[in-house]
N, C-alpha and C. Protein backbone atom coordinates (compact mmCIF):
# COMPACT_ATOMS: atom_id res chain seq x y z
N MET A 1 -34.78 -34.19 13.22
CA MET A 1 -33.71 -35.17 13.22
C MET A 1 -32.37 -34.46 13.26
N GLU A 2 -31.48 -34.91 14.09
CA GLU A 2 -30.17 -34.29 14.28
C GLU A 2 -29.14 -34.98 13.39
N VAL A 3 -28.29 -34.17 12.77
CA VAL A 3 -27.22 -34.72 11.95
C VAL A 3 -25.93 -34.67 12.77
N SER A 4 -25.33 -35.83 12.99
CA SER A 4 -24.08 -35.85 13.76
C SER A 4 -22.89 -35.84 12.79
N VAL A 5 -21.94 -35.00 13.11
CA VAL A 5 -20.75 -34.88 12.27
C VAL A 5 -19.62 -35.61 12.98
N ILE A 6 -19.04 -36.57 12.27
CA ILE A 6 -17.96 -37.35 12.87
C ILE A 6 -16.66 -36.57 12.83
N ALA A 7 -16.33 -36.02 11.66
CA ALA A 7 -15.12 -35.20 11.55
C ALA A 7 -15.46 -33.81 12.09
N SER A 8 -14.58 -33.25 12.91
CA SER A 8 -14.89 -31.98 13.56
C SER A 8 -15.01 -30.84 12.57
N ARG A 9 -14.21 -30.86 11.51
CA ARG A 9 -14.30 -29.85 10.47
C ARG A 9 -14.32 -30.55 9.13
N GLU A 10 -14.76 -29.84 8.11
CA GLU A 10 -14.80 -30.43 6.77
C GLU A 10 -13.42 -30.88 6.30
N ARG A 11 -12.38 -30.11 6.70
CA ARG A 11 -11.04 -30.41 6.21
C ARG A 11 -10.41 -31.60 6.93
N ASP A 12 -10.93 -31.96 8.12
CA ASP A 12 -10.37 -33.11 8.81
C ASP A 12 -10.70 -34.38 8.06
N LEU A 13 -9.78 -35.31 8.09
CA LEU A 13 -9.97 -36.58 7.41
C LEU A 13 -10.54 -37.60 8.39
N PHE A 14 -11.25 -38.56 7.86
CA PHE A 14 -11.79 -39.62 8.70
C PHE A 14 -10.65 -40.59 9.04
N ILE A 15 -10.61 -41.02 10.31
CA ILE A 15 -9.57 -41.95 10.73
C ILE A 15 -10.17 -43.14 11.47
N ASN A 16 -9.46 -44.26 11.40
CA ASN A 16 -9.77 -45.50 12.11
C ASN A 16 -11.26 -45.87 12.06
N GLU A 17 -11.95 -45.88 13.21
CA GLU A 17 -13.34 -46.34 13.26
C GLU A 17 -14.33 -45.37 12.62
N GLN A 18 -13.89 -44.17 12.27
CA GLN A 18 -14.78 -43.20 11.61
C GLN A 18 -15.04 -43.58 10.16
N ILE A 19 -14.22 -44.41 9.59
CA ILE A 19 -14.35 -44.80 8.17
C ILE A 19 -15.52 -45.78 8.06
N ARG A 20 -16.46 -45.49 7.17
CA ARG A 20 -17.68 -46.28 7.04
C ARG A 20 -17.71 -47.20 5.82
N ALA A 21 -16.66 -47.26 5.04
CA ALA A 21 -16.64 -48.12 3.85
C ALA A 21 -16.43 -49.58 4.27
N LYS A 22 -16.92 -50.52 3.44
CA LYS A 22 -16.75 -51.95 3.75
C LYS A 22 -15.38 -52.43 3.30
N GLU A 23 -14.96 -51.97 2.12
CA GLU A 23 -13.65 -52.35 1.58
C GLU A 23 -12.89 -51.08 1.21
N VAL A 24 -11.57 -51.10 1.43
CA VAL A 24 -10.75 -49.94 1.11
C VAL A 24 -9.47 -50.40 0.43
N MET A 25 -8.92 -49.50 -0.40
CA MET A 25 -7.59 -49.71 -0.98
C MET A 25 -6.60 -49.20 0.05
N VAL A 26 -5.65 -50.02 0.47
CA VAL A 26 -4.74 -49.66 1.56
C VAL A 26 -3.36 -49.33 1.00
N ILE A 27 -2.82 -48.20 1.47
CA ILE A 27 -1.45 -47.80 1.14
C ILE A 27 -0.67 -47.84 2.44
N GLY A 28 0.49 -48.48 2.41
CA GLY A 28 1.30 -48.67 3.60
C GLY A 28 1.99 -47.40 4.05
N PRO A 29 2.66 -47.45 5.22
CA PRO A 29 3.31 -46.27 5.77
C PRO A 29 4.46 -45.75 4.90
N ASN A 30 5.05 -46.60 4.08
CA ASN A 30 6.15 -46.17 3.21
C ASN A 30 5.69 -45.90 1.78
N GLY A 31 4.38 -45.86 1.54
CA GLY A 31 3.85 -45.55 0.23
C GLY A 31 3.58 -46.76 -0.65
N GLU A 32 3.83 -47.98 -0.15
CA GLU A 32 3.59 -49.18 -0.96
C GLU A 32 2.11 -49.55 -0.93
N GLN A 33 1.60 -50.02 -2.05
CA GLN A 33 0.20 -50.41 -2.15
C GLN A 33 0.03 -51.82 -1.59
N LEU A 34 -0.90 -51.97 -0.64
CA LEU A 34 -1.14 -53.27 -0.02
C LEU A 34 -2.38 -53.94 -0.59
N GLY A 35 -3.07 -53.27 -1.50
CA GLY A 35 -4.23 -53.87 -2.17
C GLY A 35 -5.54 -53.53 -1.48
N THR A 36 -6.62 -54.09 -2.03
CA THR A 36 -7.96 -53.85 -1.50
C THR A 36 -8.21 -54.84 -0.37
N LYS A 37 -8.65 -54.32 0.78
CA LYS A 37 -8.86 -55.16 1.96
C LYS A 37 -10.16 -54.75 2.64
N PRO A 38 -10.78 -55.66 3.37
CA PRO A 38 -11.93 -55.29 4.20
C PRO A 38 -11.48 -54.30 5.28
N ILE A 39 -12.37 -53.47 5.74
CA ILE A 39 -12.02 -52.40 6.67
C ILE A 39 -11.43 -52.96 7.97
N LYS A 40 -11.94 -54.12 8.44
CA LYS A 40 -11.42 -54.69 9.69
C LYS A 40 -9.96 -55.12 9.53
N ASP A 41 -9.62 -55.70 8.37
CA ASP A 41 -8.23 -56.11 8.11
C ASP A 41 -7.32 -54.88 8.02
N ALA A 42 -7.81 -53.82 7.39
CA ALA A 42 -7.02 -52.60 7.25
C ALA A 42 -6.76 -51.97 8.62
N LEU A 43 -7.78 -51.95 9.48
CA LEU A 43 -7.61 -51.42 10.83
C LEU A 43 -6.62 -52.26 11.63
N THR A 44 -6.68 -53.59 11.46
CA THR A 44 -5.75 -54.48 12.15
C THR A 44 -4.32 -54.21 11.70
N LEU A 45 -4.12 -54.01 10.37
CA LEU A 45 -2.78 -53.69 9.85
C LEU A 45 -2.27 -52.38 10.44
N ALA A 46 -3.14 -51.37 10.51
CA ALA A 46 -2.73 -50.06 11.04
C ALA A 46 -2.37 -50.17 12.52
N ASN A 47 -3.18 -50.89 13.29
CA ASN A 47 -2.90 -51.06 14.72
C ASN A 47 -1.60 -51.83 14.92
N TYR A 48 -1.39 -52.85 14.10
CA TYR A 48 -0.17 -53.67 14.19
C TYR A 48 1.07 -52.80 13.92
N ALA A 49 0.95 -51.85 12.96
CA ALA A 49 2.07 -50.97 12.62
C ALA A 49 2.22 -49.82 13.63
N GLY A 50 1.21 -49.63 14.48
CA GLY A 50 1.27 -48.57 15.48
C GLY A 50 0.88 -47.21 14.92
N PHE A 51 0.14 -47.21 13.81
CA PHE A 51 -0.29 -45.96 13.16
C PHE A 51 -1.81 -45.91 13.07
N ASP A 52 -2.30 -44.86 12.41
CA ASP A 52 -3.74 -44.70 12.18
C ASP A 52 -4.05 -45.04 10.73
N LEU A 53 -5.30 -45.46 10.50
CA LEU A 53 -5.78 -45.66 9.14
C LEU A 53 -6.55 -44.39 8.76
N VAL A 54 -6.06 -43.68 7.74
CA VAL A 54 -6.63 -42.38 7.37
C VAL A 54 -7.25 -42.47 5.99
N LEU A 55 -8.52 -42.03 5.89
CA LEU A 55 -9.23 -42.03 4.61
C LEU A 55 -8.75 -40.84 3.79
N MET A 56 -7.96 -41.10 2.75
CA MET A 56 -7.36 -40.03 1.95
C MET A 56 -8.27 -39.60 0.80
N SER A 57 -8.90 -40.58 0.14
CA SER A 57 -9.74 -40.27 -1.02
C SER A 57 -11.07 -41.03 -0.89
N PRO A 58 -12.07 -40.38 -0.27
CA PRO A 58 -13.34 -41.08 -0.02
C PRO A 58 -14.17 -41.31 -1.28
N ASN A 59 -13.96 -40.53 -2.35
CA ASN A 59 -14.79 -40.64 -3.55
C ASN A 59 -14.28 -41.68 -4.54
N ALA A 60 -13.09 -42.22 -4.30
CA ALA A 60 -12.54 -43.22 -5.22
C ALA A 60 -13.31 -44.53 -5.06
N ASN A 61 -13.14 -45.42 -6.01
CA ASN A 61 -13.82 -46.71 -5.95
C ASN A 61 -12.78 -47.82 -6.03
N PRO A 62 -12.43 -48.52 -5.01
CA PRO A 62 -12.82 -48.36 -3.61
C PRO A 62 -12.10 -47.17 -2.97
N PRO A 63 -12.62 -46.67 -1.82
CA PRO A 63 -11.98 -45.55 -1.14
C PRO A 63 -10.53 -45.88 -0.78
N VAL A 64 -9.65 -44.85 -0.85
CA VAL A 64 -8.23 -45.06 -0.59
C VAL A 64 -7.90 -44.62 0.84
N CYS A 65 -7.24 -45.51 1.57
CA CYS A 65 -6.82 -45.22 2.94
C CYS A 65 -5.32 -45.40 3.03
N LYS A 66 -4.71 -44.62 3.90
CA LYS A 66 -3.27 -44.71 4.09
C LYS A 66 -2.97 -44.95 5.56
N ILE A 67 -1.98 -45.80 5.79
CA ILE A 67 -1.54 -46.06 7.15
C ILE A 67 -0.46 -45.03 7.47
N MET A 68 -0.73 -44.16 8.48
CA MET A 68 0.22 -43.10 8.82
C MET A 68 -0.02 -42.61 10.24
N ASP A 69 0.91 -41.79 10.74
CA ASP A 69 0.75 -41.13 12.03
C ASP A 69 -0.07 -39.86 11.76
N TYR A 70 -1.36 -39.90 12.11
CA TYR A 70 -2.28 -38.82 11.76
C TYR A 70 -1.92 -37.50 12.44
N ASN A 71 -1.50 -37.55 13.70
CA ASN A 71 -1.14 -36.31 14.41
C ASN A 71 0.07 -35.63 13.77
N LYS A 72 1.04 -36.43 13.35
CA LYS A 72 2.22 -35.88 12.68
C LYS A 72 1.82 -35.26 11.34
N PHE A 73 0.90 -35.92 10.63
CA PHE A 73 0.39 -35.43 9.35
C PHE A 73 -0.30 -34.08 9.54
N LYS A 74 -1.16 -33.96 10.57
CA LYS A 74 -1.86 -32.70 10.85
C LYS A 74 -0.88 -31.61 11.23
N TYR A 75 0.12 -31.95 12.03
CA TYR A 75 1.13 -30.97 12.46
C TYR A 75 1.90 -30.43 11.26
N GLU A 76 2.33 -31.32 10.36
CA GLU A 76 3.09 -30.88 9.19
C GLU A 76 2.23 -30.02 8.26
N ASN A 77 0.95 -30.37 8.10
CA ASN A 77 0.05 -29.55 7.27
C ASN A 77 -0.13 -28.16 7.86
N LYS A 78 -0.30 -28.10 9.19
CA LYS A 78 -0.48 -26.80 9.84
C LYS A 78 0.79 -25.95 9.68
N LYS A 79 1.95 -26.60 9.77
CA LYS A 79 3.22 -25.91 9.61
C LYS A 79 3.36 -25.36 8.19
N LYS A 80 2.97 -26.14 7.19
CA LYS A 80 3.01 -25.68 5.79
C LYS A 80 2.07 -24.50 5.57
N GLN A 81 0.88 -24.56 6.16
CA GLN A 81 -0.09 -23.47 6.01
C GLN A 81 0.44 -22.18 6.62
N LYS A 82 1.09 -22.27 7.78
CA LYS A 82 1.66 -21.08 8.41
C LYS A 82 2.77 -20.49 7.55
N GLU A 83 3.61 -21.36 6.98
CA GLU A 83 4.70 -20.90 6.12
C GLU A 83 4.15 -20.21 4.88
N ASN A 84 3.11 -20.79 4.28
CA ASN A 84 2.49 -20.18 3.09
C ASN A 84 1.85 -18.84 3.43
N ALA A 85 1.20 -18.75 4.59
CA ALA A 85 0.58 -17.49 5.01
C ALA A 85 1.66 -16.42 5.22
N LYS A 86 2.78 -16.82 5.78
CA LYS A 86 3.88 -15.88 6.01
C LYS A 86 4.41 -15.35 4.69
N LYS A 87 4.60 -16.24 3.72
CA LYS A 87 5.09 -15.82 2.40
C LYS A 87 4.10 -14.89 1.73
N GLN A 88 2.81 -15.18 1.90
CA GLN A 88 1.78 -14.34 1.28
C GLN A 88 1.76 -12.95 1.91
N ARG A 89 1.93 -12.89 3.24
CA ARG A 89 1.97 -11.58 3.91
C ARG A 89 3.14 -10.75 3.41
N GLU A 90 4.30 -11.40 3.25
CA GLU A 90 5.48 -10.69 2.78
C GLU A 90 5.28 -10.17 1.36
N ALA A 91 4.56 -10.93 0.54
CA ALA A 91 4.33 -10.53 -0.84
C ALA A 91 3.32 -9.40 -0.95
N ASN A 92 2.47 -9.26 0.06
CA ASN A 92 1.39 -8.26 0.01
C ASN A 92 1.75 -6.93 0.67
N LEU A 93 3.03 -6.71 0.94
CA LEU A 93 3.41 -5.44 1.55
C LEU A 93 3.11 -4.28 0.61
N GLU A 94 2.61 -3.23 1.15
CA GLU A 94 2.23 -2.07 0.35
C GLU A 94 3.24 -0.95 0.54
N MET A 95 3.19 0.02 -0.38
CA MET A 95 4.03 1.21 -0.25
C MET A 95 3.12 2.43 -0.29
N LYS A 96 3.33 3.32 0.67
CA LYS A 96 2.54 4.55 0.73
C LYS A 96 3.46 5.72 0.42
N GLU A 97 2.98 6.64 -0.38
CA GLU A 97 3.81 7.78 -0.75
C GLU A 97 3.36 9.02 0.01
N TYR A 98 4.33 9.74 0.56
CA TYR A 98 4.07 11.00 1.23
C TYR A 98 4.79 12.09 0.46
N ARG A 99 4.04 13.16 0.11
CA ARG A 99 4.60 14.28 -0.64
C ARG A 99 5.07 15.35 0.33
N LEU A 100 6.29 15.76 0.18
CA LEU A 100 6.85 16.85 0.96
C LEU A 100 7.17 17.98 -0.01
N SER A 101 7.57 19.13 0.52
CA SER A 101 8.01 20.21 -0.36
C SER A 101 9.28 20.81 0.22
N VAL A 102 9.98 21.56 -0.60
CA VAL A 102 11.23 22.17 -0.16
C VAL A 102 10.96 23.13 1.00
N SER A 103 9.86 23.84 0.93
CA SER A 103 9.55 24.84 1.96
C SER A 103 8.43 24.34 2.88
N ILE A 104 8.52 23.10 3.33
CA ILE A 104 7.47 22.52 4.17
C ILE A 104 7.53 23.11 5.57
N ASP A 105 6.37 23.34 6.15
CA ASP A 105 6.29 23.92 7.49
C ASP A 105 6.53 22.82 8.53
N VAL A 106 6.94 23.21 9.72
CA VAL A 106 7.29 22.26 10.78
C VAL A 106 6.11 21.35 11.13
N HIS A 107 4.93 21.95 11.30
CA HIS A 107 3.75 21.16 11.68
C HIS A 107 3.39 20.15 10.58
N ASP A 108 3.41 20.58 9.32
CA ASP A 108 3.11 19.67 8.21
C ASP A 108 4.12 18.52 8.17
N PHE A 109 5.38 18.87 8.39
CA PHE A 109 6.45 17.86 8.40
C PHE A 109 6.19 16.84 9.51
N ASP A 110 5.88 17.33 10.72
CA ASP A 110 5.63 16.45 11.86
C ASP A 110 4.41 15.55 11.62
N THR A 111 3.39 16.09 10.99
CA THR A 111 2.19 15.30 10.68
C THR A 111 2.53 14.16 9.73
N ARG A 112 3.30 14.44 8.70
CA ARG A 112 3.68 13.40 7.74
C ARG A 112 4.58 12.35 8.39
N VAL A 113 5.46 12.80 9.30
CA VAL A 113 6.33 11.86 10.03
C VAL A 113 5.46 10.94 10.90
N LYS A 114 4.48 11.51 11.60
CA LYS A 114 3.62 10.73 12.48
C LYS A 114 2.81 9.70 11.69
N ASN A 115 2.22 10.14 10.57
CA ASN A 115 1.42 9.23 9.74
C ASN A 115 2.28 8.12 9.13
N SER A 116 3.45 8.48 8.67
CA SER A 116 4.30 7.46 8.04
C SER A 116 4.85 6.50 9.08
N SER A 117 5.06 6.96 10.32
CA SER A 117 5.54 6.02 11.36
C SER A 117 4.48 4.98 11.68
N LYS A 118 3.20 5.38 11.68
CA LYS A 118 2.11 4.41 11.89
C LYS A 118 2.12 3.36 10.79
N TYR A 119 2.32 3.82 9.58
CA TYR A 119 2.31 2.91 8.43
C TYR A 119 3.52 1.98 8.47
N LEU A 120 4.68 2.50 8.87
CA LEU A 120 5.89 1.68 8.97
C LEU A 120 5.75 0.62 10.06
N GLU A 121 5.07 0.96 11.15
CA GLU A 121 4.89 0.01 12.24
C GLU A 121 4.02 -1.16 11.83
N LYS A 122 3.17 -0.96 10.83
CA LYS A 122 2.36 -2.07 10.30
C LYS A 122 3.20 -3.00 9.43
N GLY A 123 4.44 -2.58 9.11
CA GLY A 123 5.32 -3.43 8.30
C GLY A 123 5.37 -3.05 6.84
N HIS A 124 4.78 -1.92 6.47
CA HIS A 124 4.77 -1.48 5.08
C HIS A 124 5.92 -0.52 4.80
N LYS A 125 6.17 -0.27 3.52
CA LYS A 125 7.22 0.67 3.12
C LYS A 125 6.62 2.05 2.90
N VAL A 126 7.48 3.05 2.99
CA VAL A 126 7.05 4.43 2.78
C VAL A 126 7.98 5.08 1.76
N LYS A 127 7.37 5.80 0.83
CA LYS A 127 8.14 6.57 -0.15
C LYS A 127 7.85 8.05 0.12
N ALA A 128 8.92 8.80 0.34
CA ALA A 128 8.77 10.24 0.54
C ALA A 128 9.32 10.93 -0.70
N SER A 129 8.53 11.84 -1.26
CA SER A 129 8.99 12.50 -2.48
C SER A 129 8.74 14.00 -2.42
N ILE A 130 9.55 14.70 -3.18
CA ILE A 130 9.44 16.16 -3.30
C ILE A 130 9.32 16.49 -4.77
N ARG A 131 8.36 17.36 -5.09
CA ARG A 131 8.22 17.83 -6.47
C ARG A 131 8.76 19.26 -6.50
N PHE A 132 9.76 19.44 -7.34
CA PHE A 132 10.37 20.77 -7.45
C PHE A 132 9.56 21.61 -8.41
N LYS A 133 9.27 22.85 -7.98
CA LYS A 133 8.48 23.77 -8.82
C LYS A 133 9.34 24.97 -9.18
N GLY A 134 9.31 25.37 -10.42
CA GLY A 134 9.99 26.60 -10.87
C GLY A 134 11.45 26.65 -10.53
N ARG A 135 11.84 27.68 -9.78
CA ARG A 135 13.26 27.91 -9.46
C ARG A 135 13.80 26.94 -8.42
N GLU A 136 12.92 26.20 -7.73
CA GLU A 136 13.38 25.21 -6.76
C GLU A 136 14.26 24.16 -7.43
N LEU A 137 14.04 23.96 -8.73
CA LEU A 137 14.79 22.96 -9.48
C LEU A 137 16.28 23.30 -9.54
N ALA A 138 16.63 24.58 -9.35
CA ALA A 138 18.03 25.01 -9.37
C ALA A 138 18.75 24.63 -8.07
N HIS A 139 17.98 24.26 -7.01
CA HIS A 139 18.59 23.92 -5.72
C HIS A 139 18.08 22.57 -5.20
N PRO A 140 18.47 21.48 -5.86
CA PRO A 140 18.00 20.17 -5.40
C PRO A 140 18.56 19.77 -4.03
N GLU A 141 19.65 20.40 -3.61
CA GLU A 141 20.23 20.08 -2.29
C GLU A 141 19.26 20.43 -1.16
N LEU A 142 18.40 21.44 -1.35
CA LEU A 142 17.41 21.80 -0.33
C LEU A 142 16.38 20.67 -0.15
N GLY A 143 15.96 20.10 -1.28
CA GLY A 143 15.03 18.97 -1.23
C GLY A 143 15.68 17.75 -0.61
N LYS A 144 16.96 17.54 -0.94
CA LYS A 144 17.69 16.40 -0.38
C LYS A 144 17.79 16.53 1.14
N ASP A 145 18.02 17.76 1.62
CA ASP A 145 18.10 17.98 3.06
C ASP A 145 16.77 17.64 3.75
N VAL A 146 15.64 18.02 3.14
CA VAL A 146 14.33 17.73 3.72
C VAL A 146 14.12 16.22 3.77
N LEU A 147 14.45 15.51 2.70
CA LEU A 147 14.26 14.05 2.66
C LEU A 147 15.16 13.35 3.68
N LEU A 148 16.40 13.80 3.80
CA LEU A 148 17.31 13.19 4.77
C LEU A 148 16.85 13.47 6.21
N ARG A 149 16.29 14.66 6.44
CA ARG A 149 15.75 14.97 7.77
C ARG A 149 14.55 14.08 8.07
N PHE A 150 13.71 13.83 7.05
CA PHE A 150 12.56 12.93 7.17
C PHE A 150 13.03 11.52 7.56
N ALA A 151 14.06 11.02 6.84
CA ALA A 151 14.59 9.68 7.11
C ALA A 151 15.24 9.63 8.48
N ASP A 152 15.94 10.70 8.87
CA ASP A 152 16.62 10.73 10.16
C ASP A 152 15.61 10.73 11.31
N THR A 153 14.50 11.44 11.13
CA THR A 153 13.46 11.50 12.16
C THR A 153 12.86 10.11 12.38
N LEU A 154 12.75 9.33 11.32
CA LEU A 154 12.17 7.99 11.41
C LEU A 154 13.22 6.90 11.57
N SER A 155 14.47 7.26 11.83
CA SER A 155 15.55 6.28 11.85
C SER A 155 15.41 5.23 12.95
N ASP A 156 14.65 5.52 14.01
CA ASP A 156 14.49 4.53 15.08
C ASP A 156 13.59 3.36 14.67
N ILE A 157 12.68 3.57 13.70
CA ILE A 157 11.79 2.48 13.28
C ILE A 157 11.97 2.10 11.81
N ALA A 158 12.74 2.90 11.05
CA ALA A 158 12.88 2.62 9.62
C ALA A 158 14.32 2.78 9.17
N GLU A 159 14.65 2.06 8.12
CA GLU A 159 15.97 2.20 7.51
C GLU A 159 15.78 2.62 6.06
N MET A 160 16.74 3.37 5.55
CA MET A 160 16.65 3.89 4.20
C MET A 160 16.97 2.76 3.21
N GLU A 161 15.98 2.45 2.39
CA GLU A 161 16.17 1.39 1.39
C GLU A 161 16.74 1.97 0.11
N GLN A 162 16.36 3.20 -0.19
CA GLN A 162 16.88 3.88 -1.39
C GLN A 162 17.24 5.30 -1.00
N LYS A 163 18.45 5.70 -1.30
CA LYS A 163 18.92 7.05 -0.98
C LYS A 163 18.18 8.07 -1.84
N PRO A 164 18.22 9.37 -1.49
CA PRO A 164 17.54 10.38 -2.30
C PRO A 164 18.00 10.31 -3.76
N LYS A 165 17.00 10.18 -4.63
CA LYS A 165 17.30 9.99 -6.05
C LYS A 165 16.43 10.95 -6.87
N MET A 166 17.06 11.65 -7.80
CA MET A 166 16.35 12.61 -8.64
C MET A 166 15.78 11.87 -9.85
N ASP A 167 14.52 12.17 -10.15
CA ASP A 167 13.86 11.57 -11.32
C ASP A 167 13.00 12.66 -11.96
N GLY A 168 13.56 13.37 -12.91
CA GLY A 168 12.84 14.48 -13.53
C GLY A 168 12.69 15.62 -12.54
N ARG A 169 11.43 16.02 -12.28
CA ARG A 169 11.16 17.09 -11.33
C ARG A 169 11.02 16.56 -9.89
N PHE A 170 11.11 15.24 -9.72
CA PHE A 170 10.89 14.63 -8.41
C PHE A 170 12.19 14.11 -7.82
N MET A 171 12.28 14.18 -6.49
CA MET A 171 13.35 13.52 -5.75
C MET A 171 12.65 12.67 -4.70
N SER A 172 13.08 11.42 -4.54
CA SER A 172 12.39 10.54 -3.60
C SER A 172 13.36 9.62 -2.88
N ILE A 173 12.90 9.14 -1.72
CA ILE A 173 13.59 8.11 -0.96
C ILE A 173 12.56 7.05 -0.59
N ILE A 174 13.05 5.86 -0.31
CA ILE A 174 12.16 4.79 0.14
C ILE A 174 12.66 4.31 1.50
N LEU A 175 11.75 4.24 2.45
CA LEU A 175 12.06 3.77 3.80
C LEU A 175 11.34 2.44 4.04
N ALA A 176 12.05 1.50 4.65
CA ALA A 176 11.47 0.20 4.98
C ALA A 176 11.57 0.01 6.49
N PRO A 177 10.62 -0.71 7.08
CA PRO A 177 10.69 -0.94 8.53
C PRO A 177 11.94 -1.74 8.90
N LYS A 178 12.50 -1.43 10.07
CA LYS A 178 13.71 -2.13 10.51
C LYS A 178 13.35 -3.57 10.86
N LYS A 179 14.26 -4.46 10.56
CA LYS A 179 14.09 -5.86 10.92
C LYS A 179 14.63 -6.02 12.34
N ASP A 180 13.83 -6.59 13.21
CA ASP A 180 14.23 -6.76 14.62
C ASP A 180 14.94 -8.09 14.80
N LYS A 181 16.19 -8.15 14.39
CA LYS A 181 16.96 -9.40 14.53
C LYS A 181 18.37 -9.10 14.86
């Protein structure tokens, strides 16, 4: 035996002739309660108003239906979902830290620049830091030069969010992807 599904997806609501209840509680297009009516009367009211009869709460007793423009309702819901997804993506941005040194070799520097540019292109932030060891602590300007060169190399895809800042034995900068606007 085949089971036929009237609503295309679980989240879709039943509309107009898809509603199988005998009596429904009807809510008007402006939110006013029109009372409990037979399904044929409710459909007639919806057609007369030029809208759809949408089953909002099928488990209630009697089921609750609302007279509304169903396509506009679906469009606004989809728009809200996209906005929420966008906000969630922005909140989930990650930060990756790359360790450099005062005496970093050219190849190592280029490798870190290449890896961090891939990460920046995904829309994430990058933190570049240097740990000063021993006598290097007497010359923090050397570390600052390395960090500024790192930021300058990535300046076409990233902007400096935080300038080189000393924190104990560490100096770090934070780079964020450029906004294309």
